[in-house]
C-alpha atoms as a PDB file:
ATOM      1  CA  MET A   1      -0.179 -57.322 -36.584  1.00  0.00           C
ATOM      2  CA  THR A   2      -0.051 -53.704 -37.589  1.00  0.00           C
ATOM      3  CA  THR A   3       1.552 -51.076 -35.490  1.00  0.00           C
ATOM      4  CA  GLN A   4       0.228 -47.567 -35.162  1.00  0.00           C
ATOM      5  CA  PRO A   5       2.654 -44.735 -35.605  1.00  0.00           C
ATOM      6  CA  TYR A   6       3.651 -43.084 -32.352  1.00  0.00           C
ATOM      7  CA  GLN A   7       1.573 -40.059 -31.524  1.00  0.00           C
ATOM      8  CA  PRO A   8       2.680 -37.896 -28.603  1.00  0.00           C
ATOM      9  CA  LEU A   9       0.082 -37.064 -26.040  1.00  0.00           C
ATOM     10  CA  PRO A  10      -1.362 -33.591 -26.508  1.00  0.00           C
ATOM     11  CA  ALA A  11       0.180 -31.061 -24.195  1.00  0.00           C
ATOM     12  CA  HIS A  12      -2.132 -29.554 -21.651  1.00  0.00           C
ATOM     13  CA  PRO A  13      -2.188 -25.821 -22.243  1.00  0.00           C
ATOM     14  CA  LEU A  14      -1.647 -23.590 -19.280  1.00  0.00           C
ATOM     15  CA  PRO A  15      -4.740 -21.786 -18.111  1.00  0.00           C
ATOM     16  CA  ALA A  16      -5.144 -18.109 -18.921  1.00  0.00           C
ATOM     17  CA  ARG A  17      -2.841 -15.612 -17.234  1.00  0.00           C
ATOM     18  CA  TRP A  18      -3.398 -15.658 -13.516  1.00  0.00           C
ATOM     19  CA  GLN A  19      -4.701 -12.619 -11.696  1.00  0.00           C
ATOM     20  CA  THR A  20      -3.880 -11.216  -8.310  1.00  0.00           C
ATOM     21  CA  SER A  21      -6.404 -11.179  -5.512  1.00  0.00           C
ATOM     22  CA  PRO A  22      -7.525  -7.894  -3.906  1.00  0.00           C
ATOM     23  CA  LEU A  23      -5.327  -8.724  -0.898  1.00  0.00           C
ATOM     24  CA  GLN A  24      -2.262  -9.194  -3.106  1.00  0.00           C
ATOM     25  CA  ASN A  25      -2.921  -5.846  -4.761  1.00  0.00           C
ATOM     26  CA  VAL A  26      -3.164  -4.251  -1.313  1.00  0.00           C
ATOM     27  CA  VAL A  27       0.226  -5.720  -0.363  1.00  0.00           C
ATOM     28  CA  THR A  28       1.692  -4.235  -3.551  1.00  0.00           C
ATOM     29  CA  LEU A  29       0.240  -0.868  -2.582  1.00  0.00           C
ATOM     30  CA  LEU A  30       1.675  -1.081   0.938  1.00  0.00           C
ATOM     31  CA  VAL A  31       5.223  -1.669  -0.287  1.00  0.00           C
ATOM     32  CA  GLY A  32       4.660   0.824  -3.122  1.00  0.00           C
ATOM     33  CA  PHE A  33       3.607   3.514  -0.641  1.00  0.00           C
ATOM     34  CA  TRP A  34       6.703   2.689   1.395  1.00  0.00           C
ATOM     35  CA  LEU A  35       8.736   3.422  -1.727  1.00  0.00           C
ATOM     36  CA  MET A  36       6.699   6.560  -2.413  1.00  0.00           C
ATOM     37  CA  THR A  37       7.176   7.831   1.158  1.00  0.00           C
ATOM     38  CA  GLY A  38      10.911   7.273   0.747  1.00  0.00           C
ATOM     39  CA  ILE A  39      11.148   9.490  -2.313  1.00  0.00           C
ATOM     40  CA  PHE A  40       9.279  12.311  -0.559  1.00  0.00           C
ATOM     41  CA  VAL A  41      11.512  11.967   2.500  1.00  0.00           C
ATOM     42  CA  ASP A  42      14.545  12.119   0.217  1.00  0.00           C
ATOM     43  CA  GLY A  43      13.019  15.131  -1.540  1.00  0.00           C
ATOM     44  CA  TRP A  44      12.601  16.849   1.811  1.00  0.00           C
ATOM     45  CA  ALA A  45      16.294  16.233   2.564  1.00  0.00           C
ATOM     46  CA  HIS A  46      17.377  17.652  -0.799  1.00  0.00           C
ATOM     47  CA  ASN A  47      15.145  20.715  -0.383  1.00  0.00           C
ATOM     48  CA  HIS A  48      16.115  21.479   3.213  1.00  0.00           C
ATOM     49  CA  LEU A  49      19.725  20.287   3.441  1.00  0.00           C
ATOM     50  CA  GLY A  50      20.868  21.012  -0.111  1.00  0.00           C
ATOM     51  CA  GLU A  51      24.635  21.039  -0.469  1.00  0.00           C
ATOM     52  CA  ARG A  52      25.100  19.547   3.018  1.00  0.00           C
ATOM     53  CA  LEU A  53      24.232  16.165   1.460  1.00  0.00           C
ATOM     54  CA  GLU A  54      27.706  14.978   0.583  1.00  0.00           C
ATOM     55  CA  THR A  55      27.218  11.240   0.203  1.00  0.00           C
ATOM     56  CA  PHE A  56      24.928   8.727  -1.432  1.00  0.00           C
ATOM     57  CA  PHE A  57      24.606   6.771   1.830  1.00  0.00           C
ATOM     58  CA  THR A  58      22.074   8.833   3.789  1.00  0.00           C
ATOM     59  CA  PRO A  59      19.156   7.877   6.066  1.00  0.00           C
ATOM     60  CA  TRP A  60      16.822   9.341   3.441  1.00  0.00           C
ATOM     61  CA  HIS A  61      18.155   7.047   0.747  1.00  0.00           C
ATOM     62  CA  ALA A  62      17.859   4.156   3.203  1.00  0.00           C
ATOM     63  CA  VAL A  63      14.099   4.698   3.492  1.00  0.00           C
ATOM     64  CA  PHE A  64      13.789   5.081  -0.269  1.00  0.00           C
ATOM     65  CA  TYR A  65      15.836   2.044  -1.299  1.00  0.00           C
ATOM     66  CA  SER A  66      14.484  -0.212   1.451  1.00  0.00           C
ATOM     67  CA  GLY A  67      11.038   0.514   0.022  1.00  0.00           C
ATOM     68  CA  PHE A  68      12.305  -0.568  -3.364  1.00  0.00           C
ATOM     69  CA  ALA A  69      13.843  -3.728  -1.890  1.00  0.00           C
ATOM     70  CA  ALA A  70      10.523  -4.660  -0.265  1.00  0.00           C
ATOM     71  CA  THR A  71       8.657  -3.981  -3.508  1.00  0.00           C
ATOM     72  CA  ALA A  72      11.148  -5.968  -5.601  1.00  0.00           C
ATOM     73  CA  LEU A  73      10.983  -8.948  -3.246  1.00  0.00           C
ATOM     74  CA  TRP A  74       7.190  -8.935  -3.381  1.00  0.00           C
ATOM     75  CA  ILE A  75       7.082  -8.690  -7.187  1.00  0.00           C
ATOM     76  CA  GLY A  76       9.676 -11.484  -7.366  1.00  0.00           C
ATOM     77  CA  TRP A  77       7.572 -13.674  -5.053  1.00  0.00           C
ATOM     78  CA  LEU A  78       4.552 -13.199  -7.321  1.00  0.00           C
ATOM     79  CA  GLY A  79       6.650 -14.174 -10.325  1.00  0.00           C
ATOM     80  CA  ALA A  80       7.829 -17.291  -8.483  1.00  0.00           C
ATOM     81  CA  GLN A  81       4.206 -18.384  -8.088  1.00  0.00           C
ATOM     82  CA  GLY A  82       3.778 -18.227 -11.838  1.00  0.00           C
ATOM     83  CA  ARG A  83       6.976 -20.174 -12.482  1.00  0.00           C
ATOM     84  CA  ARG A  84       5.704 -22.943 -10.207  1.00  0.00           C
ATOM     85  CA  GLN A  85       2.759 -23.214 -12.595  1.00  0.00           C
ATOM     86  CA  GLY A  86       5.153 -23.759 -15.498  1.00  0.00           C
ATOM     87  CA  ARG A  87       5.086 -20.239 -16.886  1.00  0.00           C
ATOM     88  CA  ARG A  88       8.189 -18.531 -18.173  1.00  0.00           C
ATOM     89  CA  GLY A  89       9.371 -14.991 -18.788  1.00  0.00           C
ATOM     90  CA  LEU A  90       6.994 -12.121 -18.165  1.00  0.00           C
ATOM     91  CA  SER A  91       4.089 -14.552 -18.453  1.00  0.00           C
ATOM     92  CA  ALA A  92       5.031 -15.877 -15.019  1.00  0.00           C
ATOM     93  CA  PHE A  93       3.815 -12.634 -13.478  1.00  0.00           C
ATOM     94  CA  PRO A  94       0.115 -12.015 -12.914  1.00  0.00           C
ATOM     95  CA  VAL A  95      -1.863  -9.793 -15.244  1.00  0.00           C
ATOM     96  CA  GLY A  96      -0.577  -6.221 -15.022  1.00  0.00           C
ATOM     97  CA  TYR A  97       2.506  -7.144 -13.027  1.00  0.00           C
ATOM     98  CA  GLU A  98       4.750  -7.526 -16.034  1.00  0.00           C
ATOM     99  CA  LEU A  99       5.010  -3.747 -15.652  1.00  0.00           C
ATOM    100  CA  GLY A 100       6.291  -4.268 -12.120  1.00  0.00           C
ATOM    101  CA  ALA A 101       8.850  -6.831 -13.287  1.00  0.00           C
ATOM    102  CA  ILE A 102      10.193  -4.369 -15.856  1.00  0.00           C
ATOM    103  CA  GLY A 103      10.062  -1.629 -13.225  1.00  0.00           C
ATOM    104  CA  VAL A 104      12.291  -3.640 -10.870  1.00  0.00           C
ATOM    105  CA  VAL A 105      14.966  -3.898 -13.562  1.00  0.00           C
ATOM    106  CA  VAL A 106      14.692  -0.237 -14.587  1.00  0.00           C
ATOM    107  CA  PHE A 107      14.796   0.958 -10.970  1.00  0.00           C
ATOM    108  CA  ALA A 108      17.782  -1.270 -10.128  1.00  0.00           C
ATOM    109  CA  LEU A 109      19.718   0.082 -13.117  1.00  0.00           C
ATOM    110  CA  GLY A 110      18.785   3.617 -12.127  1.00  0.00           C
ATOM    111  CA  GLY A 111      19.886   2.976  -8.516  1.00  0.00           C
ATOM    112  CA  LEU A 112      23.284   1.627  -9.552  1.00  0.00           C
ATOM    113  CA  GLY A 113      23.696   4.505 -11.961  1.00  0.00           C
ATOM    114  CA  ASP A 114      22.625   7.004  -9.310  1.00  0.00           C
ATOM    115  CA  MET A 115      25.185   5.733  -6.821  1.00  0.00           C
ATOM    116  CA  THR A 116      27.922   5.912  -9.464  1.00  0.00           C
ATOM    117  CA  TRP A 117      26.766   9.366 -10.558  1.00  0.00           C
ATOM    118  CA  HIS A 118      26.875  10.730  -7.003  1.00  0.00           C
ATOM    119  CA  ILE A 119      30.321   9.265  -6.363  1.00  0.00           C
ATOM    120  CA  VAL A 120      31.764  10.683  -9.593  1.00  0.00           C
ATOM    121  CA  PHE A 121      29.902  13.991  -9.974  1.00  0.00           C
ATOM    122  CA  GLY A 122      28.673  14.718  -6.446  1.00  0.00           C
ATOM    123  CA  ILE A 123      25.175  15.484  -5.139  1.00  0.00           C
ATOM    124  CA  GLU A 124      22.856  17.535  -7.346  1.00  0.00           C
ATOM    125  CA  VAL A 125      20.859  20.435  -5.941  1.00  0.00           C
ATOM    126  CA  GLY A 126      17.791  22.294  -7.179  1.00  0.00           C
ATOM    127  CA  ILE A 127      16.084  21.364 -10.432  1.00  0.00           C
ATOM    128  CA  ASP A 128      19.270  19.562 -11.528  1.00  0.00           C
ATOM    129  CA  ALA A 129      18.443  16.763  -9.063  1.00  0.00           C
ATOM    130  CA  LEU A 130      15.037  16.214 -10.673  1.00  0.00           C
ATOM    131  CA  LEU A 131      16.412  16.119 -14.212  1.00  0.00           C
ATOM    132  CA  SER A 132      19.412  13.902 -13.497  1.00  0.00           C
ATOM    133  CA  PRO A 133      19.289  10.984 -15.998  1.00  0.00           C
ATOM    134  CA  THR A 134      19.653   8.406 -13.243  1.00  0.00           C
ATOM    135  CA  HIS A 135      16.877  10.010 -11.199  1.00  0.00           C
ATOM    136  CA  LEU A 136      14.615   9.912 -14.241  1.00  0.00           C
ATOM    137  CA  LEU A 137      15.307   6.181 -14.534  1.00  0.00           C
ATOM    138  CA  LEU A 138      14.374   5.759 -10.870  1.00  0.00           C
ATOM    139  CA  PHE A 139      11.178   7.699 -11.497  1.00  0.00           C
ATOM    140  CA  LEU A 140      10.253   5.522 -14.480  1.00  0.00           C
ATOM    141  CA  GLY A 141      10.911   2.311 -12.545  1.00  0.00           C
ATOM    142  CA  ALA A 142       8.890   3.523  -9.560  1.00  0.00           C
ATOM    143  CA  GLU A 143       5.946   4.472 -11.782  1.00  0.00           C
ATOM    144  CA  LEU A 144       5.915   1.018 -13.371  1.00  0.00           C
ATOM    145  CA  LEU A 145       5.948  -0.596  -9.924  1.00  0.00           C
ATOM    146  CA  VAL A 146       3.067   1.363  -8.425  1.00  0.00           C
ATOM    147  CA  LEU A 147       0.956   1.174 -11.607  1.00  0.00           C
ATOM    148  CA  SER A 148       0.887  -2.643 -11.584  1.00  0.00           C
ATOM    149  CA  PRO A 149      -2.214  -2.889  -9.346  1.00  0.00           C
ATOM    150  CA  LEU A 150      -4.035  -0.358 -11.547  1.00  0.00           C
ATOM    151  CA  VAL A 151      -3.400  -2.400 -14.701  1.00  0.00           C
ATOM    152  CA  ALA A 152      -4.343  -5.619 -12.873  1.00  0.00           C
ATOM    153  CA  CYS A 153      -7.653  -4.111 -11.766  1.00  0.00           C
ATOM    154  CA  TRP A 154      -8.229  -2.522 -15.185  1.00  0.00           C
ATOM    155  CA  LYS A 155      -8.007  -5.931 -16.888  1.00  0.00           C
ATOM    156  CA  SER A 156     -10.097  -7.755 -14.298  1.00  0.00           C
ATOM    157  CA  PRO A 157     -13.563  -8.847 -15.447  1.00  0.00           C
ATOM    158  CA  GLY A 158     -16.501  -6.642 -14.628  1.00  0.00           C
ATOM    159  CA  GLY A 159     -18.270  -3.563 -15.909  1.00  0.00           C
ATOM    160  CA  ARG A 160     -18.214  -0.023 -14.600  1.00  0.00           C
ATOM    161  CA  MET A 161     -19.628  -1.031 -11.222  1.00  0.00           C
ATOM    162  CA  VAL A 162     -17.095  -3.248  -9.448  1.00  0.00           C
ATOM    163  CA  PRO A 163     -16.479  -4.279  -5.825  1.00  0.00           C
ATOM    164  CA  ALA A 164     -14.504  -2.100  -3.420  1.00  0.00           C
ATOM    165  CA  GLY A 165     -11.648  -4.632  -3.604  1.00  0.00           C
ATOM    166  CA  VAL A 166     -11.130  -3.600  -7.233  1.00  0.00           C
ATOM    167  CA  ILE A 167     -11.882   0.107  -7.425  1.00  0.00           C
ATOM    168  CA  TRP A 168     -10.046   1.294  -4.301  1.00  0.00           C
ATOM    169  CA  PRO A 169      -6.731  -0.471  -5.073  1.00  0.00           C
ATOM    170  CA  ALA A 170      -6.962   1.013  -8.562  1.00  0.00           C
ATOM    171  CA  THR A 171      -7.585   4.482  -7.121  1.00  0.00           C
ATOM    172  CA  LEU A 172      -4.709   4.203  -4.644  1.00  0.00           C
ATOM    173  CA  SER A 173      -2.414   2.920  -7.389  1.00  0.00           C
ATOM    174  CA  MET A 174      -3.286   5.958  -9.504  1.00  0.00           C
ATOM    175  CA  THR A 175      -2.755   8.216  -6.464  1.00  0.00           C
ATOM    176  CA  ALA A 176       0.765   6.850  -6.028  1.00  0.00           C
ATOM    177  CA  ALA A 177       1.491   7.335  -9.738  1.00  0.00           C
ATOM    178  CA  LEU A 178       0.199  10.925  -9.577  1.00  0.00           C
ATOM    179  CA  SER A 179       2.343  11.598  -6.510  1.00  0.00           C
ATOM    180  CA  PHE A 180       5.513  10.360  -8.225  1.00  0.00           C
ATOM    181  CA  ALA A 181       4.714  12.495 -11.272  1.00  0.00           C
ATOM    182  CA  SER A 182       3.988  15.614  -9.212  1.00  0.00           C
ATOM    183  CA  PHE A 183       7.201  15.060  -7.231  1.00  0.00           C
ATOM    184  CA  MET A 184       9.245  15.079 -10.426  1.00  0.00           C
ATOM    185  CA  HIS A 185       7.504  18.308 -11.511  1.00  0.00           C
ATOM    186  CA  MET A 186       7.679  20.130  -8.172  1.00  0.00           C
ATOM    187  CA  TYR A 187       9.493  23.056  -9.844  1.00  0.00           C
ATOM    188  CA  ALA A 188       6.308  23.758 -11.843  1.00  0.00           C
ATOM    189  CA  TRP A 189       3.650  22.576  -9.379  1.00  0.00           C
ATOM    190  CA  ALA A 190       1.359  25.584  -9.108  1.00  0.00           C
ATOM    191  CA  LEU A 191      -0.172  24.598  -5.764  1.00  0.00           C
ATOM    192  CA  LEU A 192       3.220  24.928  -4.059  1.00  0.00           C
ATOM    193  CA  ASP A 193       3.935  28.516  -5.009  1.00  0.00           C
ATOM    194  CA  VAL A 194       2.210  31.550  -6.509  1.00  0.00           C
ATOM    195  CA  PRO A 195       4.806  33.313  -8.662  1.00  0.00           C
ATOM    196  CA  SER A 196       4.738  37.071  -8.929  1.00  0.00           C
ATOM    197  CA  ALA A 197       3.017  38.107 -12.154  1.00  0.00           C
ATOM    198  CA  VAL A 198       4.305  41.690 -12.256  1.00  0.00           C
ATOM    199  CA  SER A 199       6.812  40.902 -15.021  1.00  0.00           C
ATOM    200  CA  TYR A 200       6.178  39.111 -18.297  1.00  0.00           C
ATOM    201  CA  GLN A 201       8.305  36.170 -17.167  1.00  0.00           C
ATOM    202  CA  GLY A 202       6.387  35.903 -13.899  1.00  0.00           C
ATOM    203  CA  ALA A 203       3.016  36.020 -15.659  1.00  0.00           C
ATOM    204  CA  ARG A 204       4.150  33.344 -18.090  1.00  0.00           C
ATOM    205  CA  SER A 205       5.393  31.178 -15.232  1.00  0.00           C
ATOM    206  CA  LEU A 206       2.056  31.487 -13.401  1.00  0.00           C
ATOM    207  CA  VAL A 207       0.004  30.518 -16.448  1.00  0.00           C
ATOM    208  CA  MET A 208       2.252  27.670 -17.587  1.00  0.00           C
ATOM    209  CA  SER A 209       2.559  26.111 -14.118  1.00  0.00           C
ATOM    210  CA  THR A 210      -1.211  26.348 -13.660  1.00  0.00           C
ATOM    211  CA  LEU A 211      -1.895  24.611 -16.969  1.00  0.00           C
ATOM    212  CA  LEU A 212       0.678  21.858 -16.375  1.00  0.00           C
ATOM    213  CA  THR A 213      -0.546  21.158 -12.848  1.00  0.00           C
ATOM    214  CA  SER A 214      -4.158  21.186 -13.995  1.00  0.00           C
ATOM    215  CA  LEU A 215      -3.551  18.641 -16.743  1.00  0.00           C
ATOM    216  CA  MET A 216      -1.624  16.342 -14.402  1.00  0.00           C
ATOM    217  CA  LEU A 217      -4.423  16.465 -11.820  1.00  0.00           C
ATOM    218  CA  SER A 218      -7.209  15.960 -14.378  1.00  0.00           C
ATOM    219  CA  ALA A 219      -5.672  13.111 -16.362  1.00  0.00           C
ATOM    220  CA  PRO A 220      -5.802  10.420 -13.609  1.00  0.00           C
ATOM    221  CA  VAL A 221      -9.453  11.157 -12.812  1.00  0.00           C
ATOM    222  CA  LEU A 222     -10.537  11.156 -16.460  1.00  0.00           C
ATOM    223  CA  LEU A 223      -8.638   7.937 -17.123  1.00  0.00           C
ATOM    224  CA  LEU A 224     -10.257   6.177 -14.151  1.00  0.00           C
ATOM    225  CA  LEU A 225     -13.684   7.405 -15.295  1.00  0.00           C
ATOM    226  CA  ARG A 226     -13.089   5.828 -18.689  1.00  0.00           C
ATOM    227  CA  ARG A 227     -13.088   2.415 -16.996  1.00  0.00           C
ATOM    228  CA  TRP A 228     -15.159   2.728 -13.797  1.00  0.00           C
ATOM    229  CA  ALA A 229     -17.842   4.686 -12.005  1.00  0.00           C
ATOM    230  CA  LEU A 230     -15.764   6.110  -9.171  1.00  0.00           C
ATOM    231  CA  PRO A 231     -17.111   5.885  -5.616  1.00  0.00           C
ATOM    232  CA  PHE A 232     -17.618   9.041  -3.604  1.00  0.00           C
ATOM    233  CA  GLY A 233     -14.377  10.148  -1.956  1.00  0.00           C
ATOM    234  CA  ALA A 234     -12.000   8.726  -4.585  1.00  0.00           C
ATOM    235  CA  VAL A 235     -10.981  12.092  -6.060  1.00  0.00           C
ATOM    236  CA  GLY A 236     -10.925  13.774  -2.644  1.00  0.00           C
ATOM    237  CA  LEU A 237      -8.531  11.124  -1.341  1.00  0.00           C
ATOM    238  CA  MET A 238      -6.310  11.442  -4.405  1.00  0.00           C
ATOM    239  CA  TYR A 239      -6.059  15.224  -4.280  1.00  0.00           C
ATOM    240  CA  GLY A 240      -5.848  15.551  -0.498  1.00  0.00           C
ATOM    241  CA  LEU A 241      -3.098  12.960  -0.072  1.00  0.00           C
ATOM    242  CA  ASN A 242      -1.072  14.224  -3.017  1.00  0.00           C
ATOM    243  CA  THR A 243      -1.187  17.851  -1.864  1.00  0.00           C
ATOM    244  CA  THR A 244      -0.221  16.921   1.693  1.00  0.00           C
ATOM    245  CA  LEU A 245       2.804  14.960   0.449  1.00  0.00           C
ATOM    246  CA  MET A 246       3.903  17.800  -1.828  1.00  0.00           C
ATOM    247  CA  PHE A 247       3.694  20.452   0.891  1.00  0.00           C
ATOM    248  CA  GLY A 248       5.320  18.237   3.502  1.00  0.00           C
ATOM    249  CA  MET A 249       8.436  17.994   1.346  1.00  0.00           C
ATOM    250  CA  ALA A 250       8.614  21.483  -0.126  1.00  0.00           C
ATOM    251  CA  VAL A 251      10.407  24.589   1.046  1.00  0.00           C
ATOM    252  CA  GLY A 252       7.911  27.359   1.696  1.00  0.00           C
ATOM    253  CA  PRO A 253       5.462  28.864   4.149  1.00  0.00           C
ATOM    254  CA  THR A 254       4.193  25.992   6.270  1.00  0.00           C
ATOM    255  CA  ASP A 255       1.102  27.938   7.335  1.00  0.00           C
ATOM    256  CA  MET A 256      -0.240  27.515   3.794  1.00  0.00           C
ATOM    257  CA  LEU A 257      -0.287  23.712   4.090  1.00  0.00           C
ATOM    258  CA  PRO A 258      -3.582  23.354   5.986  1.00  0.00           C
ATOM    259  CA  ARG A 259      -5.325  25.836   3.686  1.00  0.00           C
ATOM    260  CA  VAL A 260      -4.143  24.383   0.383  1.00  0.00           C
ATOM    261  CA  ALA A 261      -4.503  20.762   1.529  1.00  0.00           C
ATOM    262  CA  LEU A 262      -8.061  21.514   2.653  1.00  0.00           C
ATOM    263  CA  LEU A 263      -8.753  23.260  -0.644  1.00  0.00           C
ATOM    264  CA  ALA A 264      -7.468  20.259  -2.622  1.00  0.00           C
ATOM    265  CA  LEU A 265      -9.561  17.897  -0.499  1.00  0.00           C
ATOM    266  CA  LEU A 266     -12.712  20.007  -0.934  1.00  0.00           C
ATOM    267  CA  SER A 267     -12.057  20.362  -4.666  1.00  0.00           C
ATOM    268  CA  GLY A 268     -11.785  16.588  -4.943  1.00  0.00           C
ATOM    269  CA  LEU A 269     -14.967  16.095  -2.915  1.00  0.00           C
ATOM    270  CA  PHE A 270     -16.839  18.551  -5.143  1.00  0.00           C
ATOM    271  CA  ALA A 271     -15.601  16.557  -8.130  1.00  0.00           C
ATOM    272  CA  ASP A 272     -16.889  13.425  -6.383  1.00  0.00           C
ATOM    273  CA  LEU A 273     -20.297  15.085  -6.055  1.00  0.00           C
ATOM    274  CA  LEU A 274     -20.294  15.986  -9.752  1.00  0.00           C
ATOM    275  CA  ILE A 275     -19.441  12.370 -10.594  1.00  0.00           C
ATOM    276  CA  ARG A 276     -22.354  11.163  -8.482  1.00  0.00           C
ATOM    277  CA  TRP A 277     -24.795  13.695  -9.959  1.00  0.00           C
ATOM    278  CA  TRP A 278     -23.682  13.732 -13.603  1.00  0.00           C
ATOM    279  CA  ARG A 279     -22.405  10.122 -13.949  1.00  0.00           C
ATOM    280  CA  PRO A 280     -19.760  10.942 -16.607  1.00  0.00           C
ATOM    281  CA  ALA A 281     -18.853   7.930 -18.741  1.00  0.00           C
ATOM    282  CA  PRO A 282     -17.549   7.195 -22.239  1.00  0.00           C
ATOM    283  CA  GLN A 283     -21.095   6.085 -23.120  1.00  0.00           C
ATOM    284  CA  ARG A 284     -22.218   9.645 -22.300  1.00  0.00           C
ATOM    285  CA  PRO A 285     -19.492  11.660 -24.056  1.00  0.00           C
ATOM    286  CA  TRP A 286     -21.090  15.097 -23.695  1.00  0.00           C
ATOM    287  CA  VAL A 287     -21.473  14.666 -19.944  1.00  0.00           C
ATOM    288  CA  TYR A 288     -17.921  13.272 -19.747  1.00  0.00           C
ATOM    289  CA  ARG A 289     -16.542  16.330 -21.559  1.00  0.00           C
ATOM    290  CA  ALA A 290     -18.601  18.753 -19.476  1.00  0.00           C
ATOM    291  CA  PHE A 291     -17.167  17.200 -16.325  1.00  0.00           C
ATOM    292  CA  ALA A 292     -13.635  17.409 -17.756  1.00  0.00           C
ATOM    293  CA  ALA A 293     -14.088  21.157 -18.315  1.00  0.00           C
ATOM    294  CA  ALA A 294     -15.790  21.822 -14.971  1.00  0.00           C
ATOM    295  CA  GLN A 295     -13.369  19.901 -12.747  1.00  0.00           C
ATOM    296  CA  PRO A 296     -10.375  22.296 -13.100  1.00  0.00           C
ATOM    297  CA  LEU A 297     -12.587  25.277 -12.245  1.00  0.00           C
ATOM    298  CA  LEU A 298     -13.474  23.650  -8.910  1.00  0.00           C
ATOM    299  CA  LEU A 299      -9.797  23.865  -7.937  1.00  0.00           C
ATOM    300  CA  TRP A 300      -8.329  26.949  -9.560  1.00  0.00           C
ATOM    301  CA  VAL A 301     -11.081  29.532  -9.011  1.00  0.00           C
ATOM    302  CA  PRO A 302     -11.093  29.013  -5.202  1.00  0.00           C
ATOM    303  CA  PHE A 303      -7.287  28.728  -5.186  1.00  0.00           C
ATOM    304  CA  PHE A 304      -6.702  32.074  -6.874  1.00  0.00           C
ATOM    305  CA  ILE A 305      -9.449  33.801  -4.887  1.00  0.00           C
ATOM    306  CA  GLY A 306      -7.878  32.509  -1.661  1.00  0.00           C
ATOM    307  CA  ALA A 307      -4.367  33.501  -2.762  1.00  0.00           C
ATOM    308  CA  SER A 308      -5.649  36.985  -3.561  1.00  0.00           C
ATOM    309  CA  ARG A 309      -7.354  37.350  -0.169  1.00  0.00           C
ATOM    310  CA  LEU A 310      -4.135  36.267   1.584  1.00  0.00           C
ATOM    311  CA  GLY A 311      -2.102  38.823  -0.341  1.00  0.00           C
ATOM    312  CA  LEU A 312      -0.115  36.154  -2.208  1.00  0.00           C
ATOM    313  CA  LEU A 313      -1.415  36.972  -5.689  1.00  0.00           C
ATOM    314  CA  ASP A 314      -0.474  40.089  -7.618  1.00  0.00           C
ATOM    315  CA  ALA A 315      -1.836  38.922 -10.970  1.00  0.00           C
ATOM    316  CA  SER A 316      -4.535  40.929 -12.680  1.00  0.00           C
ATOM    317  CA  LEU A 317      -8.120  39.696 -12.705  1.00  0.00           C
ATOM    318  CA  GLU A 318      -7.857  39.047 -16.444  1.00  0.00           C
ATOM    319  CA  LEU A 319      -4.706  36.959 -16.028  1.00  0.00           C
ATOM    320  CA  TRP A 320      -5.835  34.557 -13.331  1.00  0.00           C
ATOM    321  CA  THR A 321      -9.405  34.176 -14.608  1.00  0.00           C
ATOM    322  CA  GLY A 322      -7.982  33.535 -18.067  1.00  0.00           C
ATOM    323  CA  ALA A 323      -5.677  30.877 -16.611  1.00  0.00           C
ATOM    324  CA  CYS A 324      -8.737  29.201 -15.055  1.00  0.00           C
ATOM    325  CA  VAL A 325     -10.569  29.194 -18.400  1.00  0.00           C
ATOM    326  CA  MET A 326      -7.467  27.827 -20.139  1.00  0.00           C
ATOM    327  CA  ALA A 327      -7.295  25.041 -17.539  1.00  0.00           C
ATOM    328  CA  ALA A 328     -10.946  24.187 -18.232  1.00  0.00           C
ATOM    329  CA  LEU A 329     -10.300  24.103 -21.975  1.00  0.00           C
ATOM    330  CA  GLY A 330      -7.266  21.915 -21.339  1.00  0.00           C
ATOM    331  CA  GLY A 331      -9.448  19.443 -19.440  1.00  0.00           C
ATOM    332  CA  LEU A 332     -11.906  19.454 -22.329  1.00  0.00           C
ATOM    333  CA  ALA A 333      -9.120  18.753 -24.833  1.00  0.00           C
ATOM    334  CA  LEU A 334      -7.752  15.986 -22.604  1.00  0.00           C
ATOM    335  CA  SER A 335     -11.153  14.296 -22.510  1.00  0.00           C
ATOM    336  CA  SER A 336     -11.124  14.161 -26.316  1.00  0.00           C
ATOM    337  CA  LEU A 337      -7.842  12.256 -26.213  1.00  0.00           C
ATOM    338  CA  ILE A 338      -8.886   9.808 -23.488  1.00  0.00           C
ATOM    339  CA  VAL A 339     -12.353   9.247 -25.014  1.00  0.00           C
ATOM    340  CA  PRO A 340     -11.931  10.237 -28.674  1.00  0.00           C
ATOM    341  CA  PRO A 341     -14.879  10.718 -31.003  1.00  0.00           C
ATOM    342  CA  SER A 342     -16.157   7.545 -32.612  1.00  0.00           C
ATOM    343  CA  VAL A 343     -14.847   6.615 -36.056  1.00  0.00           C
ATOM    344  CA  PRO A 344     -17.373   5.844 -38.824  1.00  0.00           C
ATOM    345  CA  GLN A 345     -17.778   2.121 -39.403  1.00  0.00           C
ATOM    346  CA  ASP A 346     -16.462   2.211 -42.965  1.00  0.00           C
ATOM    347  CA  ALA A 347     -13.348   4.093 -41.836  1.00  0.00           C
ATOM    348  CA  ALA A 348     -12.794   1.665 -38.975  1.00  0.00           C
END
């Protein structure tokens, strides 16, 4: 009688990485917007109370960090579902949510560092608060958390036309990411303030803040258009919500809020109309680049005309129209980075 050598049974491979449902992405957005609201509330406190903030333990921080706690618990629960399936490490998290897992760690380290920093060095005021190393860590962690639904939707199957349960969570995720980024650049956010351009320094500040703000507003839209055909209202929602959050937190004339928020909303809706009419897509690069150049003009030309009519703009016609053209050229250059020219086959 011959015996066969022992052969272990083949291991059953785990199925491909699991993906979140639209409802799970919505839950991530809800806790992510809680976190985002907290940082704007905290920003309002820093801008309006300033040096009167003498401790780390404030109601504003409570809103901010409770939003993080809710987000971390939700991301951890998703990871636990993957571990029950036998997955380990970052693979336990659904597609795209490995960013969130890393974001939890980065944010927690930034929070501990921030508490220590405040206890040792006190409370920062002004631009110092935005550039504090621990605050930058918090910003990075928060961005990774709110971008998880976008990456999950980006990697989901489907072409440019996808269901509302995919495209709207992706749009809201990008809106949250834009809002965090604009918060951290509030000192150069051109829609919040129109600097005097009488001096050379003032003129330089006006042009540079316009160009920076324009690029940060254009990039999310162009990136989303690389992957999807955006539904009408997506850009209007993104711009309107972001501008409202920025003005609600900032120090400045509150009577400008309705005007600028309405302008941002209308600018986004006009961009939505252009998307519907022109259908910009990577497969139509010339149309995509034309849209990238036209979109900034829809915002900045009405903005500067309105600021001039309200007596808030002392820049020359050449200066502010030139800034608008520069913003359009910046959008065009950005489109070449997001959708670069094709490489010849032999070079590829």
